[in-house]
PDB file of N, CA and C in Angstrom:
ATOM      1  N   MET A   1      31.384  -0.004 -35.969  1.00  0.00           N
ATOM      2  CA  MET A   1      29.955  -0.194 -36.118  1.00  0.00           C
ATOM      3  C   MET A   1      29.242   1.080 -35.683  1.00  0.00           C
ATOM      4  N   ASP A   2      28.402   1.600 -36.532  1.00  0.00           N
ATOM      5  CA  ASP A   2      27.709   2.855 -36.274  1.00  0.00           C
ATOM      6  C   ASP A   2      26.384   2.569 -35.559  1.00  0.00           C
ATOM      7  N   LEU A   3      26.262   3.031 -34.319  1.00  0.00           N
ATOM      8  CA  LEU A   3      25.071   2.761 -33.511  1.00  0.00           C
ATOM      9  C   LEU A   3      24.274   4.035 -33.230  1.00  0.00           C
ATOM     10  N   ASP A   4      24.249   4.956 -34.162  1.00  0.00           N
ATOM     11  CA  ASP A   4      23.534   6.215 -33.968  1.00  0.00           C
ATOM     12  C   ASP A   4      22.022   6.040 -33.946  1.00  0.00           C
ATOM     13  N   PHE A   5      21.522   4.948 -34.461  1.00  0.00           N
ATOM     14  CA  PHE A   5      20.081   4.740 -34.527  1.00  0.00           C
ATOM     15  C   PHE A   5      19.499   4.287 -33.183  1.00  0.00           C
ATOM     16  N   ILE A   6      20.322   3.871 -32.235  1.00  0.00           N
ATOM     17  CA  ILE A   6      19.830   3.332 -30.965  1.00  0.00           C
ATOM     18  C   ILE A   6      19.100   4.397 -30.149  1.00  0.00           C
ATOM     19  N   ILE A   7      19.625   5.583 -30.106  1.00  0.00           N
ATOM     20  CA  ILE A   7      19.019   6.638 -29.293  1.00  0.00           C
ATOM     21  C   ILE A   7      17.631   7.016 -29.805  1.00  0.00           C
ATOM     22  N   PRO A   8      17.435   7.300 -31.089  1.00  0.00           N
ATOM     23  CA  PRO A   8      16.064   7.632 -31.537  1.00  0.00           C
ATOM     24  C   PRO A   8      15.077   6.474 -31.367  1.00  0.00           C
ATOM     25  N   VAL A   9      15.530   5.260 -31.616  1.00  0.00           N
ATOM     26  CA  VAL A   9      14.639   4.105 -31.471  1.00  0.00           C
ATOM     27  C   VAL A   9      14.246   3.918 -30.000  1.00  0.00           C
ATOM     28  N   SER A  10      15.217   4.003 -29.096  1.00  0.00           N
ATOM     29  CA  SER A  10      14.899   3.834 -27.682  1.00  0.00           C
ATOM     30  C   SER A  10      14.028   4.976 -27.176  1.00  0.00           C
ATOM     31  N   LEU A  11      14.257   6.183 -27.671  1.00  0.00           N
ATOM     32  CA  LEU A  11      13.409   7.312 -27.293  1.00  0.00           C
ATOM     33  C   LEU A  11      11.975   7.092 -27.766  1.00  0.00           C
ATOM     34  N   PHE A  12      11.800   6.590 -28.975  1.00  0.00           N
ATOM     35  CA  PHE A  12      10.466   6.294 -29.485  1.00  0.00           C
ATOM     36  C   PHE A  12       9.787   5.229 -28.627  1.00  0.00           C
ATOM     37  N   ILE A  13      10.505   4.197 -28.253  1.00  0.00           N
ATOM     38  CA  ILE A  13       9.936   3.123 -27.434  1.00  0.00           C
ATOM     39  C   ILE A  13       9.516   3.646 -26.073  1.00  0.00           C
ATOM     40  N   VAL A  14      10.341   4.477 -25.466  1.00  0.00           N
ATOM     41  CA  VAL A  14      10.008   5.033 -24.147  1.00  0.00           C
ATOM     42  C   VAL A  14       8.778   5.929 -24.237  1.00  0.00           C
ATOM     43  N   ILE A  15       8.715   6.779 -25.238  1.00  0.00           N
ATOM     44  CA  ILE A  15       7.553   7.667 -25.392  1.00  0.00           C
ATOM     45  C   ILE A  15       6.287   6.853 -25.659  1.00  0.00           C
ATOM     46  N   ALA A  16       6.386   5.819 -26.490  1.00  0.00           N
ATOM     47  CA  ALA A  16       5.222   4.970 -26.761  1.00  0.00           C
ATOM     48  C   ALA A  16       4.754   4.256 -25.500  1.00  0.00           C
ATOM     49  N   TYR A  17       5.675   3.787 -24.686  1.00  0.00           N
ATOM     50  CA  TYR A  17       5.314   3.102 -23.439  1.00  0.00           C
ATOM     51  C   TYR A  17       4.638   4.069 -22.467  1.00  0.00           C
ATOM     52  N   ILE A  18       5.153   5.285 -22.364  1.00  0.00           N
ATOM     53  CA  ILE A  18       4.552   6.273 -21.467  1.00  0.00           C
ATOM     54  C   ILE A  18       3.135   6.600 -21.918  1.00  0.00           C
ATOM     55  N   ILE A  19       2.926   6.764 -23.220  1.00  0.00           N
ATOM     56  CA  ILE A  19       1.583   7.045 -23.740  1.00  0.00           C
ATOM     57  C   ILE A  19       0.645   5.881 -23.459  1.00  0.00           C
ATOM     58  N   LYS A  20       1.129   4.653 -23.607  1.00  0.00           N
ATOM     59  CA  LYS A  20       0.307   3.471 -23.333  1.00  0.00           C
ATOM     60  C   LYS A  20      -0.104   3.411 -21.863  1.00  0.00           C
ATOM     61  N   VAL A  21       0.831   3.658 -20.963  1.00  0.00           N
ATOM     62  CA  VAL A  21       0.528   3.608 -19.528  1.00  0.00           C
ATOM     63  C   VAL A  21      -0.485   4.680 -19.158  1.00  0.00           C
ATOM     64  N   ILE A  22      -0.304   5.880 -19.674  1.00  0.00           N
ATOM     65  CA  ILE A  22      -1.234   6.964 -19.362  1.00  0.00           C
ATOM     66  C   ILE A  22      -2.629   6.661 -19.898  1.00  0.00           C
ATOM     67  N   SER A  23      -2.725   6.159 -21.129  1.00  0.00           N
ATOM     68  CA  SER A  23      -4.041   5.865 -21.698  1.00  0.00           C
ATOM     69  C   SER A  23      -4.716   4.704 -20.974  1.00  0.00           C
ATOM     70  N   ASP A  24      -3.962   3.683 -20.591  1.00  0.00           N
ATOM     71  CA  ASP A  24      -4.537   2.579 -19.826  1.00  0.00           C
ATOM     72  C   ASP A  24      -5.068   3.064 -18.486  1.00  0.00           C
ATOM     73  N   ASN A  25      -4.335   3.958 -17.863  1.00  0.00           N
ATOM     74  CA  ASN A  25      -4.768   4.478 -16.573  1.00  0.00           C
ATOM     75  C   ASN A  25      -6.048   5.296 -16.721  1.00  0.00           C
ATOM     76  N   ARG A  26      -6.146   6.089 -17.775  1.00  0.00           N
ATOM     77  CA  ARG A  26      -7.357   6.888 -17.993  1.00  0.00           C
ATOM     78  C   ARG A  26      -8.562   6.000 -18.257  1.00  0.00           C
ATOM     79  N   VAL A  27      -8.376   4.953 -19.035  1.00  0.00           N
ATOM     80  CA  VAL A  27      -9.485   4.029 -19.305  1.00  0.00           C
ATOM     81  C   VAL A  27      -9.924   3.344 -18.014  1.00  0.00           C
ATOM     82  N   ARG A  28      -8.982   2.911 -17.230  1.00  0.00           N
ATOM     83  CA  ARG A  28      -9.291   2.265 -15.956  1.00  0.00           C
ATOM     84  C   ARG A  28     -10.047   3.221 -15.036  1.00  0.00           C
ATOM     85  N   GLN A  29      -9.607   4.468 -14.964  1.00  0.00           N
ATOM     86  CA  GLN A  29     -10.282   5.445 -14.115  1.00  0.00           C
ATOM     87  C   GLN A  29     -11.711   5.702 -14.582  1.00  0.00           C
ATOM     88  N   ARG A  30     -11.912   5.800 -15.898  1.00  0.00           N
ATOM     89  CA  ARG A  30     -13.267   6.032 -16.420  1.00  0.00           C
ATOM     90  C   ARG A  30     -14.178   4.849 -16.129  1.00  0.00           C
ATOM     91  N   LEU A  31     -13.659   3.637 -16.236  1.00  0.00           N
ATOM     92  CA  LEU A  31     -14.466   2.460 -15.917  1.00  0.00           C
ATOM     93  C   LEU A  31     -14.856   2.452 -14.444  1.00  0.00           C
ATOM     94  N   ILE A  32     -13.937   2.823 -13.595  1.00  0.00           N
ATOM     95  CA  ILE A  32     -14.234   2.865 -12.164  1.00  0.00           C
ATOM     96  C   ILE A  32     -15.266   3.947 -11.874  1.00  0.00           C
ATOM     97  N   GLU A  33     -15.114   5.126 -12.469  1.00  0.00           N
ATOM     98  CA  GLU A  33     -16.046   6.222 -12.226  1.00  0.00           C
ATOM     99  C   GLU A  33     -17.451   5.904 -12.719  1.00  0.00           C
ATOM    100  N   LYS A  34     -17.568   5.221 -13.838  1.00  0.00           N
ATOM    101  CA  LYS A  34     -18.880   4.893 -14.382  1.00  0.00           C
ATOM    102  C   LYS A  34     -19.505   3.690 -13.699  1.00  0.00           C
ATOM    103  N   GLY A  35     -18.741   2.962 -12.899  1.00  0.00           N
ATOM    104  CA  GLY A  35     -19.278   1.799 -12.213  1.00  0.00           C
ATOM    105  C   GLY A  35     -19.403   0.590 -13.108  1.00  0.00           C
ATOM    106  N   GLU A  36     -18.610   0.515 -14.156  1.00  0.00           N
ATOM    107  CA  GLU A  36     -18.682  -0.589 -15.108  1.00  0.00           C
ATOM    108  C   GLU A  36     -17.998  -1.858 -14.594  1.00  0.00           C
ATOM    109  N   ILE A  37     -17.301  -1.752 -13.486  1.00  0.00           N
ATOM    110  CA  ILE A  37     -16.617  -2.925 -12.941  1.00  0.00           C
ATOM    111  C   ILE A  37     -17.153  -3.199 -11.546  1.00  0.00           C
ATOM    112  N   ASP A  38     -16.955  -4.408 -11.063  1.00  0.00           N
ATOM    113  CA  ASP A  38     -17.513  -4.765  -9.769  1.00  0.00           C
ATOM    114  C   ASP A  38     -16.633  -4.277  -8.617  1.00  0.00           C
ATOM    115  N   GLU A  39     -17.101  -4.476  -7.410  1.00  0.00           N
ATOM    116  CA  GLU A  39     -16.434  -3.943  -6.214  1.00  0.00           C
ATOM    117  C   GLU A  39     -15.075  -4.590  -5.954  1.00  0.00           C
ATOM    118  N   LYS A  40     -14.903  -5.834  -6.372  1.00  0.00           N
ATOM    119  CA  LYS A  40     -13.624  -6.509  -6.133  1.00  0.00           C
ATOM    120  C   LYS A  40     -12.487  -5.823  -6.889  1.00  0.00           C
ATOM    121  N   VAL A  41     -12.748  -5.412  -8.094  1.00  0.00           N
ATOM    122  CA  VAL A  41     -11.719  -4.744  -8.895  1.00  0.00           C
ATOM    123  C   VAL A  41     -11.453  -3.351  -8.340  1.00  0.00           C
ATOM    124  N   LYS A  42     -12.477  -2.653  -7.881  1.00  0.00           N
ATOM    125  CA  LYS A  42     -12.272  -1.349  -7.262  1.00  0.00           C
ATOM    126  C   LYS A  42     -11.371  -1.480  -6.040  1.00  0.00           C
ATOM    127  N   PHE A  43     -11.571  -2.537  -5.272  1.00  0.00           N
ATOM    128  CA  PHE A  43     -10.750  -2.768  -4.080  1.00  0.00           C
ATOM    129  C   PHE A  43      -9.292  -2.972  -4.467  1.00  0.00           C
ATOM    130  N   LEU A  44      -9.036  -3.683  -5.570  1.00  0.00           N
ATOM    131  CA  LEU A  44      -7.660  -3.904  -6.011  1.00  0.00           C
ATOM    132  C   LEU A  44      -6.987  -2.608  -6.444  1.00  0.00           C
ATOM    133  N   TYR A  45      -7.712  -1.753  -7.145  1.00  0.00           N
ATOM    134  CA  TYR A  45      -7.120  -0.511  -7.629  1.00  0.00           C
ATOM    135  C   TYR A  45      -7.024   0.557  -6.561  1.00  0.00           C
ATOM    136  N   SER A  46      -7.859   0.498  -5.546  1.00  0.00           N
ATOM    137  CA  SER A  46      -7.791   1.516  -4.492  1.00  0.00           C
ATOM    138  C   SER A  46      -6.471   1.405  -3.732  1.00  0.00           C
ATOM    139  N   ASP A  47      -5.970   0.195  -3.585  1.00  0.00           N
ATOM    140  CA  ASP A  47      -4.676  -0.004  -2.927  1.00  0.00           C
ATOM    141  C   ASP A  47      -3.568   0.669  -3.734  1.00  0.00           C
ATOM    142  N   ARG A  48      -3.608   0.534  -5.042  1.00  0.00           N
ATOM    143  CA  ARG A  48      -2.594   1.137  -5.913  1.00  0.00           C
ATOM    144  C   ARG A  48      -2.666   2.665  -5.839  1.00  0.00           C
ATOM    145  N   LEU A  49      -3.885   3.203  -5.855  1.00  0.00           N
ATOM    146  CA  LEU A  49      -4.042   4.661  -5.789  1.00  0.00           C
ATOM    147  C   LEU A  49      -3.527   5.206  -4.466  1.00  0.00           C
ATOM    148  N   GLN A  50      -3.799   4.483  -3.372  1.00  0.00           N
ATOM    149  CA  GLN A  50      -3.322   4.915  -2.062  1.00  0.00           C
ATOM    150  C   GLN A  50      -1.802   4.901  -2.018  1.00  0.00           C
ATOM    151  N   SER A  51      -1.172   3.873  -2.583  1.00  0.00           N
ATOM    152  CA  SER A  51       0.288   3.807  -2.547  1.00  0.00           C
ATOM    153  C   SER A  51       0.914   4.866  -3.442  1.00  0.00           C
ATOM    154  N   GLN A  52       0.235   5.270  -4.527  1.00  0.00           N
ATOM    155  CA  GLN A  52       0.757   6.343  -5.376  1.00  0.00           C
ATOM    156  C   GLN A  52       0.743   7.668  -4.625  1.00  0.00           C
ATOM    157  N   ASN A  53      -0.290   7.900  -3.839  1.00  0.00           N
ATOM    158  CA  ASN A  53      -0.335   9.120  -3.039  1.00  0.00           C
ATOM    159  C   ASN A  53       0.769   9.117  -1.992  1.00  0.00           C
ATOM    160  N   LEU A  54       1.023   7.964  -1.409  1.00  0.00           N
ATOM    161  CA  LEU A  54       2.063   7.875  -0.395  1.00  0.00           C
ATOM    162  C   LEU A  54       3.458   7.957  -1.004  1.00  0.00           C
ATOM    163  N   SER A  55       3.594   7.681  -2.281  1.00  0.00           N
ATOM    164  CA  SER A  55       4.883   7.776  -2.936  1.00  0.00           C
ATOM    165  C   SER A  55       5.397   9.211  -2.926  1.00  0.00           C
ATOM    166  N   SER A  56       4.506  10.157  -3.115  1.00  0.00           N
ATOM    167  CA  SER A  56       4.899  11.573  -3.053  1.00  0.00           C
ATOM    168  C   SER A  56       5.405  11.925  -1.667  1.00  0.00           C
ATOM    169  N   LEU A  57       4.746  11.395  -0.656  1.00  0.00           N
ATOM    170  CA  LEU A  57       5.190  11.633   0.719  1.00  0.00           C
ATOM    171  C   LEU A  57       6.581  11.051   0.935  1.00  0.00           C
ATOM    172  N   LYS A  58       6.806   9.847   0.422  1.00  0.00           N
ATOM    173  CA  LYS A  58       8.101   9.192   0.595  1.00  0.00           C
ATOM    174  C   LYS A  58       9.224  10.028   0.011  1.00  0.00           C
ATOM    175  N   TRP A  59       9.068  10.431  -1.236  1.00  0.00           N
ATOM    176  CA  TRP A  59      10.154  11.162  -1.877  1.00  0.00           C
ATOM    177  C   TRP A  59      10.298  12.565  -1.325  1.00  0.00           C
ATOM    178  N   GLY A  60       9.220  13.139  -0.853  1.00  0.00           N
ATOM    179  CA  GLY A  60       9.318  14.432  -0.187  1.00  0.00           C
ATOM    180  C   GLY A  60      10.135  14.343   1.088  1.00  0.00           C
ATOM    181  N   LEU A  61       9.888  13.293   1.874  1.00  0.00           N
ATOM    182  CA  LEU A  61      10.661  13.098   3.100  1.00  0.00           C
ATOM    183  C   LEU A  61      12.133  12.827   2.812  1.00  0.00           C
ATOM    184  N   VAL A  62      12.393  11.998   1.806  1.00  0.00           N
ATOM    185  CA  VAL A  62      13.783  11.658   1.478  1.00  0.00           C
ATOM    186  C   VAL A  62      14.540  12.882   0.991  1.00  0.00           C
ATOM    187  N   LEU A  63      13.944  13.641   0.101  1.00  0.00           N
ATOM    188  CA  LEU A  63      14.621  14.831  -0.412  1.00  0.00           C
ATOM    189  C   LEU A  63      14.799  15.892   0.664  1.00  0.00           C
ATOM    190  N   THR A  64      13.843  15.989   1.582  1.00  0.00           N
ATOM    191  CA  THR A  64      14.006  16.911   2.707  1.00  0.00           C
ATOM    192  C   THR A  64      15.161  16.477   3.591  1.00  0.00           C
ATOM    193  N   GLY A  65      15.267  15.181   3.834  1.00  0.00           N
ATOM    194  CA  GLY A  65      16.382  14.673   4.635  1.00  0.00           C
ATOM    195  C   GLY A  65      17.723  14.920   3.973  1.00  0.00           C
ATOM    196  N   LEU A  66      17.799  14.699   2.670  1.00  0.00           N
ATOM    197  CA  LEU A  66      19.054  14.950   1.955  1.00  0.00           C
ATOM    198  C   LEU A  66      19.402  16.436   1.962  1.00  0.00           C
ATOM    199  N   GLY A  67      18.409  17.269   1.767  1.00  0.00           N
ATOM    200  CA  GLY A  67      18.646  18.710   1.803  1.00  0.00           C
ATOM    201  C   GLY A  67      19.091  19.175   3.171  1.00  0.00           C
ATOM    202  N   LEU A  68      18.506  18.603   4.214  1.00  0.00           N
ATOM    203  CA  LEU A  68      18.904  18.946   5.580  1.00  0.00           C
ATOM    204  C   LEU A  68      20.344  18.542   5.846  1.00  0.00           C
ATOM    205  N   ALA A  69      20.741  17.371   5.367  1.00  0.00           N
ATOM    206  CA  ALA A  69      22.125  16.917   5.550  1.00  0.00           C
ATOM    207  C   ALA A  69      23.093  17.831   4.808  1.00  0.00           C
ATOM    208  N   LEU A  70      22.751  18.229   3.600  1.00  0.00           N
ATOM    209  CA  LEU A  70      23.609  19.161   2.854  1.00  0.00           C
ATOM    210  C   LEU A  70      23.674  20.524   3.528  1.00  0.00           C
ATOM    211  N   PHE A  71      22.551  20.975   4.059  1.00  0.00           N
ATOM    212  CA  PHE A  71      22.511  22.256   4.750  1.00  0.00           C
ATOM    213  C   PHE A  71      23.407  22.235   5.990  1.00  0.00           C
ATOM    214  N   ILE A  72      23.325  21.159   6.751  1.00  0.00           N
ATOM    215  CA  ILE A  72      24.174  21.039   7.943  1.00  0.00           C
ATOM    216  C   ILE A  72      25.641  20.955   7.534  1.00  0.00           C
ATOM    217  N   GLY A  73      25.927  20.249   6.450  1.00  0.00           N
ATOM    218  CA  GLY A  73      27.304  20.168   5.960  1.00  0.00           C
ATOM    219  C   GLY A  73      27.851  21.510   5.528  1.00  0.00           C
ATOM    220  N   GLN A  74      26.991  22.376   4.994  1.00  0.00           N
ATOM    221  CA  GLN A  74      27.428  23.711   4.574  1.00  0.00           C
ATOM    222  C   GLN A  74      27.528  24.685   5.742  1.00  0.00           C
ATOM    223  N   LEU A  75      26.787  24.433   6.816  1.00  0.00           N
ATOM    224  CA  LEU A  75      26.870  25.308   7.986  1.00  0.00           C
ATOM    225  C   LEU A  75      28.231  25.211   8.669  1.00  0.00           C
ATOM    226  N   PHE A  76      28.773  24.013   8.691  1.00  0.00           N
ATOM    227  CA  PHE A  76      30.044  23.780   9.364  1.00  0.00           C
ATOM    228  C   PHE A  76      31.081  23.245   8.372  1.00  0.00           C
ATOM    229  N   PRO A  77      31.507  24.046   7.409  1.00  0.00           N
ATOM    230  CA  PRO A  77      32.392  23.524   6.368  1.00  0.00           C
ATOM    231  C   PRO A  77      33.796  23.174   6.870  1.00  0.00           C
ATOM    232  N   HIS A  78      34.259  23.825   7.923  1.00  0.00           N
ATOM    233  CA  HIS A  78      35.622  23.585   8.375  1.00  0.00           C
ATOM    234  C   HIS A  78      35.704  22.431   9.368  1.00  0.00           C
ATOM    235  N   THR A  79      34.622  22.199  10.094  1.00  0.00           N
ATOM    236  CA  THR A  79      34.673  21.147  11.108  1.00  0.00           C
ATOM    237  C   THR A  79      34.147  19.814  10.605  1.00  0.00           C
ATOM    238  N   ILE A  80      33.333  19.827   9.559  1.00  0.00           N
ATOM    239  CA  ILE A  80      32.776  18.582   9.025  1.00  0.00           C
ATOM    240  C   ILE A  80      33.365  18.343   7.644  1.00  0.00           C
ATOM    241  N   SER A  81      33.936  17.176   7.446  1.00  0.00           N
ATOM    242  CA  SER A  81      34.530  16.860   6.147  1.00  0.00           C
ATOM    243  C   SER A  81      33.452  16.426   5.151  1.00  0.00           C
ATOM    244  N   GLU A  82      33.848  16.280   3.889  1.00  0.00           N
ATOM    245  CA  GLU A  82      32.910  15.845   2.853  1.00  0.00           C
ATOM    246  C   GLU A  82      32.365  14.451   3.137  1.00  0.00           C
ATOM    247  N   GLU A  83      33.210  13.589   3.676  1.00  0.00           N
ATOM    248  CA  GLU A  83      32.771  12.226   3.971  1.00  0.00           C
ATOM    249  C   GLU A  83      31.678  12.229   5.033  1.00  0.00           C
ATOM    250  N   MET A  84      31.797  13.129   5.990  1.00  0.00           N
ATOM    251  CA  MET A  84      30.774  13.227   7.024  1.00  0.00           C
ATOM    252  C   MET A  84      29.458  13.740   6.426  1.00  0.00           C
ATOM    253  N   THR A  85      29.544  14.654   5.475  1.00  0.00           N
ATOM    254  CA  THR A  85      28.335  15.177   4.830  1.00  0.00           C
ATOM    255  C   THR A  85      27.635  14.076   4.042  1.00  0.00           C
ATOM    256  N   VAL A  86      28.406  13.297   3.293  1.00  0.00           N
ATOM    257  CA  VAL A  86      27.808  12.195   2.520  1.00  0.00           C
ATOM    258  C   VAL A  86      27.224  11.152   3.461  1.00  0.00           C
ATOM    259  N   GLY A  87      27.928  10.854   4.523  1.00  0.00           N
ATOM    260  CA  GLY A  87      27.408   9.898   5.503  1.00  0.00           C
ATOM    261  C   GLY A  87      26.129  10.385   6.153  1.00  0.00           C
ATOM    262  N   SER A  88      26.087  11.677   6.473  1.00  0.00           N
ATOM    263  CA  SER A  88      24.866  12.210   7.079  1.00  0.00           C
ATOM    264  C   SER A  88      23.717  12.222   6.076  1.00  0.00           C
ATOM    265  N   MET A  89      24.035  12.362   4.781  1.00  0.00           N
ATOM    266  CA  MET A  89      22.976  12.277   3.764  1.00  0.00           C
ATOM    267  C   MET A  89      22.330  10.897   3.785  1.00  0.00           C
ATOM    268  N   PHE A  90      23.144   9.852   3.874  1.00  0.00           N
ATOM    269  CA  PHE A  90      22.598   8.495   3.941  1.00  0.00           C
ATOM    270  C   PHE A  90      21.808   8.278   5.232  1.00  0.00           C
ATOM    271  N   ILE A  91      22.302   8.817   6.327  1.00  0.00           N
ATOM    272  CA  ILE A  91      21.604   8.657   7.609  1.00  0.00           C
ATOM    273  C   ILE A  91      20.249   9.357   7.567  1.00  0.00           C
ATOM    274  N   PHE A  92      20.219  10.612   7.083  1.00  0.00           N
ATOM    275  CA  PHE A  92      18.954  11.336   7.015  1.00  0.00           C
ATOM    276  C   PHE A  92      17.994  10.706   6.012  1.00  0.00           C
ATOM    277  N   ALA A  93      18.502  10.183   4.916  1.00  0.00           N
ATOM    278  CA  ALA A  93      17.632   9.495   3.954  1.00  0.00           C
ATOM    279  C   ALA A  93      17.054   8.228   4.584  1.00  0.00           C
ATOM    280  N   GLY A  94      17.858   7.505   5.338  1.00  0.00           N
ATOM    281  CA  GLY A  94      17.366   6.315   6.031  1.00  0.00           C
ATOM    282  C   GLY A  94      16.306   6.652   7.061  1.00  0.00           C
ATOM    283  N   ILE A  95      16.534   7.730   7.809  1.00  0.00           N
ATOM    284  CA  ILE A  95      15.537   8.169   8.792  1.00  0.00           C
ATOM    285  C   ILE A  95      14.236   8.562   8.086  1.00  0.00           C
ATOM    286  N   ALA A  96      14.360   9.227   6.936  1.00  0.00           N
ATOM    287  CA  ALA A  96      13.171   9.619   6.173  1.00  0.00           C
ATOM    288  C   ALA A  96      12.400   8.389   5.700  1.00  0.00           C
ATOM    289  N   PHE A  97      13.111   7.354   5.250  1.00  0.00           N
ATOM    290  CA  PHE A  97      12.431   6.126   4.830  1.00  0.00           C
ATOM    291  C   PHE A  97      11.743   5.451   6.010  1.00  0.00           C
ATOM    292  N   LEU A  98      12.340   5.478   7.193  1.00  0.00           N
ATOM    293  CA  LEU A  98      11.699   4.888   8.370  1.00  0.00           C
ATOM    294  C   LEU A  98      10.444   5.663   8.766  1.00  0.00           C
ATOM    295  N   ILE A  99      10.508   6.981   8.699  1.00  0.00           N
ATOM    296  CA  ILE A  99       9.323   7.794   8.992  1.00  0.00           C
ATOM    297  C   ILE A  99       8.229   7.501   7.975  1.00  0.00           C
ATOM    298  N   TYR A 100       8.615   7.402   6.704  1.00  0.00           N
ATOM    299  CA  TYR A 100       7.642   7.074   5.657  1.00  0.00           C
ATOM    300  C   TYR A 100       7.010   5.713   5.919  1.00  0.00           C
ATOM    301  N   TYR A 101       7.811   4.738   6.309  1.00  0.00           N
ATOM    302  CA  TYR A 101       7.282   3.400   6.556  1.00  0.00           C
ATOM    303  C   TYR A 101       6.230   3.431   7.659  1.00  0.00           C
ATOM    304  N   ALA A 102       6.509   4.165   8.727  1.00  0.00           N
ATOM    305  CA  ALA A 102       5.554   4.237   9.832  1.00  0.00           C
ATOM    306  C   ALA A 102       4.261   4.912   9.395  1.00  0.00           C
ATOM    307  N   ILE A 103       4.366   6.016   8.664  1.00  0.00           N
ATOM    308  CA  ILE A 103       3.172   6.726   8.205  1.00  0.00           C
ATOM    309  C   ILE A 103       2.389   5.875   7.203  1.00  0.00           C
ATOM    310  N   ALA A 104       3.083   5.245   6.264  1.00  0.00           N
ATOM    311  CA  ALA A 104       2.420   4.435   5.244  1.00  0.00           C
ATOM    312  C   ALA A 104       1.718   3.238   5.860  1.00  0.00           C
ATOM    313  N   LYS A 105       2.332   2.619   6.838  1.00  0.00           N
ATOM    314  CA  LYS A 105       1.727   1.457   7.491  1.00  0.00           C
ATOM    315  C   LYS A 105       0.420   1.849   8.173  1.00  0.00           C
ATOM    316  N   VAL A 106       0.423   2.980   8.850  1.00  0.00           N
ATOM    317  CA  VAL A 106      -0.798   3.446   9.512  1.00  0.00           C
ATOM    318  C   VAL A 106      -1.871   3.780   8.480  1.00  0.00           C
ATOM    319  N   GLN A 107      -1.490   4.486   7.420  1.00  0.00           N
ATOM    320  CA  GLN A 107      -2.461   4.891   6.400  1.00  0.00           C
ATOM    321  C   GLN A 107      -3.050   3.691   5.664  1.00  0.00           C
ATOM    322  N   LEU A 108      -2.208   2.724   5.301  1.00  0.00           N
ATOM    323  CA  LEU A 108      -2.712   1.551   4.579  1.00  0.00           C
ATOM    324  C   LEU A 108      -3.602   0.693   5.454  1.00  0.00           C
ATOM    325  N   ASN A 109      -3.240   0.532   6.729  1.00  0.00           N
ATOM    326  CA  ASN A 109      -4.106  -0.221   7.642  1.00  0.00           C
ATOM    327  C   ASN A 109      -5.434   0.495   7.833  1.00  0.00           C
ATOM    328  N   LYS A 110      -5.394   1.820   7.925  1.00  0.00           N
ATOM    329  CA  LYS A 110      -6.608   2.611   8.080  1.00  0.00           C
ATOM    330  C   LYS A 110      -7.506   2.478   6.848  1.00  0.00           C
ATOM    331  N   SER A 111      -6.910   2.516   5.660  1.00  0.00           N
ATOM    332  CA  SER A 111      -7.711   2.413   4.435  1.00  0.00           C
ATOM    333  C   SER A 111      -8.249   1.001   4.246  1.00  0.00           C
ATOM    334  N   LYS A 112      -7.498  -0.018   4.662  1.00  0.00           N
ATOM    335  CA  LYS A 112      -7.999  -1.390   4.540  1.00  0.00           C
ATOM    336  C   LYS A 112      -9.181  -1.622   5.464  1.00  0.00           C
ATOM    337  N   VAL A 113      -9.144  -1.034   6.652  1.00  0.00           N
ATOM    338  CA  VAL A 113     -10.266  -1.178   7.571  1.00  0.00           C
ATOM    339  C   VAL A 113     -11.491  -0.475   7.013  1.00  0.00           C
ATOM    340  N   GLU A 114     -11.312   0.686   6.383  1.00  0.00           N
ATOM    341  CA  GLU A 114     -12.431   1.414   5.801  1.00  0.00           C
ATOM    342  C   GLU A 114     -12.980   0.692   4.575  1.00  0.00           C
ATOM    343  N   MET A 115     -12.132   0.004   3.806  1.00  0.00           N
ATOM    344  CA  MET A 115     -12.556  -0.650   2.569  1.00  0.00           C
ATOM    345  C   MET A 115     -13.135  -2.036   2.795  1.00  0.00           C
ATOM    346  N   THR A 116     -12.880  -2.632   3.955  1.00  0.00           N
ATOM    347  CA  THR A 116     -13.349  -3.984   4.211  1.00  0.00           C
ATOM    348  C   THR A 116     -14.875  -3.998   4.265  1.00  0.00           C
ATOM    349  N   PRO A 117     -15.510  -4.876   3.488  1.00  0.00           N
ATOM    350  CA  PRO A 117     -16.974  -4.944   3.502  1.00  0.00           C
ATOM    351  C   PRO A 117     -17.488  -5.420   4.853  1.00  0.00           C
ATOM    352  N   GLY A 118     -18.564  -4.802   5.301  1.00  0.00           N
ATOM    353  CA  GLY A 118     -19.183  -5.209   6.556  1.00  0.00           C
ATOM    354  C   GLY A 118     -18.705  -4.415   7.760  1.00  0.00           C
ATOM    355  N   THR A 119     -17.665  -3.596   7.627  1.00  0.00           N
ATOM    356  CA  THR A 119     -17.201  -2.786   8.747  1.00  0.00           C
ATOM    357  C   THR A 119     -17.642  -1.350   8.500  1.00  0.00           C
ATOM    358  N   GLU A 120     -18.602  -0.921   9.260  1.00  0.00           N
ATOM    359  CA  GLU A 120     -19.095   0.445   9.098  1.00  0.00           C
ATOM    360  C   GLU A 120     -19.134   1.136  10.426  1.00  0.00           C
TER     361      GLU A 120
END
């Protein structure tokens, strides 16, 4: 059975989905900027925007932790085996996720207090 058509079709579907998500996001942003929606909807989307900003922080911390583990593994190639390097990669990635969790929790609580109506 010749399945050569699957790759172009799936590529088309993925590209169409990405274009749809980007255009929906732009429309949503324009509605928010123009004030065409009420405050309740702005509150719902502000949480999403805050978590998207924190996502960059999360992956930055994780990749830094993985890079640090690889760097340490390369510094001591004779005394540390490959298994120890891979294990330290998981440990540093876990530590990075814990640091991210602490920072994100503080930031989200801070933004919720600022966004809550009546607290000025």
